[in-house]
Protein backbone atom coordinates (compact mmCIF):
# COMPACT_ATOMS: atom_id res chain seq x y z
CA MET A 1 -72.06 118.61 47.51
CA ASN A 2 -68.35 118.62 47.14
CA GLY A 3 -65.96 119.27 50.01
CA LEU A 4 -65.40 122.93 49.09
CA SER A 5 -69.13 123.68 49.25
CA ASP A 6 -69.34 122.04 52.66
CA VAL A 7 -66.48 124.18 53.92
CA ARG A 8 -68.08 127.36 52.57
CA LEU A 9 -71.41 126.53 54.22
CA THR A 10 -69.68 125.80 57.51
CA LEU A 11 -67.69 129.04 57.41
CA HIS A 12 -70.75 131.07 56.41
CA SER A 13 -72.82 129.60 59.25
CA GLN A 14 -70.01 130.42 61.70
CA GLU A 15 -69.98 134.02 60.45
CA LEU A 16 -73.75 134.25 60.91
CA VAL A 17 -73.54 132.92 64.46
CA ALA A 18 -70.71 135.34 65.27
CA GLY A 19 -72.76 138.23 63.90
CA GLN A 20 -75.80 137.22 65.94
CA GLU A 21 -73.71 137.04 69.10
CA LYS A 22 -72.49 140.58 68.45
CA GLY A 23 -76.05 141.73 67.72
CA LEU A 24 -75.26 142.65 64.13
CA ARG A 25 -77.50 142.33 61.12
CA SER A 26 -76.04 141.73 57.69
CA GLY A 27 -77.28 145.19 56.63
CA ASP A 28 -75.37 146.78 59.51
CA LEU A 29 -72.17 145.25 58.22
CA ARG A 30 -72.62 146.93 54.85
CA ASN A 31 -73.31 150.48 56.12
CA ALA A 32 -76.90 150.51 54.89
CA PRO A 33 -79.39 152.70 56.75
CA ALA A 34 -80.82 150.76 59.70
CA ASP A 35 -84.48 151.59 59.03
CA LEU A 36 -84.69 149.98 55.58
CA SER A 37 -87.12 147.18 54.83
CA ARG A 38 -85.87 144.12 53.00
CA TRP A 39 -86.92 145.64 49.65
CA GLY A 40 -85.39 148.96 50.65
CA LEU A 41 -82.12 147.18 51.39
CA PHE A 42 -82.26 145.45 48.00
CA TRP A 43 -82.94 148.82 46.31
CA HIS A 44 -80.05 150.41 48.23
CA ARG A 45 -77.66 147.63 47.18
CA LEU A 46 -78.76 147.82 43.55
CA HIS A 47 -78.14 151.55 43.28
CA THR A 48 -74.91 151.69 45.24
CA ARG A 49 -73.47 148.80 43.26
CA LYS A 50 -74.43 150.46 39.98
CA ALA A 51 -72.81 153.70 41.21
CA LEU A 52 -69.53 151.85 41.77
CA LEU A 53 -69.41 151.03 38.07
CA ASP A 54 -69.55 154.74 37.20
CA LEU A 55 -66.76 155.95 39.49
CA SER A 56 -63.55 157.27 37.99
CA THR A 57 -60.15 155.79 38.79
CA GLU A 58 -59.39 158.72 41.11
CA GLN A 59 -62.67 158.26 42.98
CA LEU A 60 -62.03 154.54 43.39
CA ARG A 61 -58.56 155.28 44.71
CA ASP A 62 -60.12 157.67 47.27
CA ILE A 63 -62.32 154.89 48.65
CA GLY A 64 -59.55 152.30 48.49
CA LEU A 65 -60.85 150.07 45.71
CA SER A 66 -59.30 148.90 42.50
CA ARG A 67 -61.25 148.91 39.23
CA GLU A 68 -61.48 145.10 39.42
CA GLN A 69 -62.85 145.15 42.98
CA ALA A 70 -65.44 147.78 42.06
CA ARG A 71 -66.47 145.84 38.98
CA ALA A 72 -66.81 142.58 40.95
CA GLU A 73 -68.99 144.29 43.58
CA GLY A 74 -70.94 146.33 41.02
CA LEU A 75 -71.91 143.26 39.00
CA LYS A 76 -73.19 141.27 42.00
CA PRO A 77 -76.94 140.68 42.06
CA PHE A 78 -78.78 142.86 44.59
CA TRP A 79 -79.79 139.89 46.75
CA ARG A 80 -76.19 138.86 47.48
CA LEU A 81 -74.14 140.33 50.30
């Protein structure tokens, strides 16, 4: 691993610990329904990310995202946060 990867892993582990101390799950941080199974959460992410790609410029402005931000989020694989 290079130094940047080590830093990312360290920061990510610190975020996970902080979330556990606050009693948060990663799904809670993304506004997904709390009663979803793992596959349900994946399905939710897949469809909401695809929906971002179809929003108009006015709709994106309403939710506070630029076209580039929506595209970056919309093209993420469903298993990534």
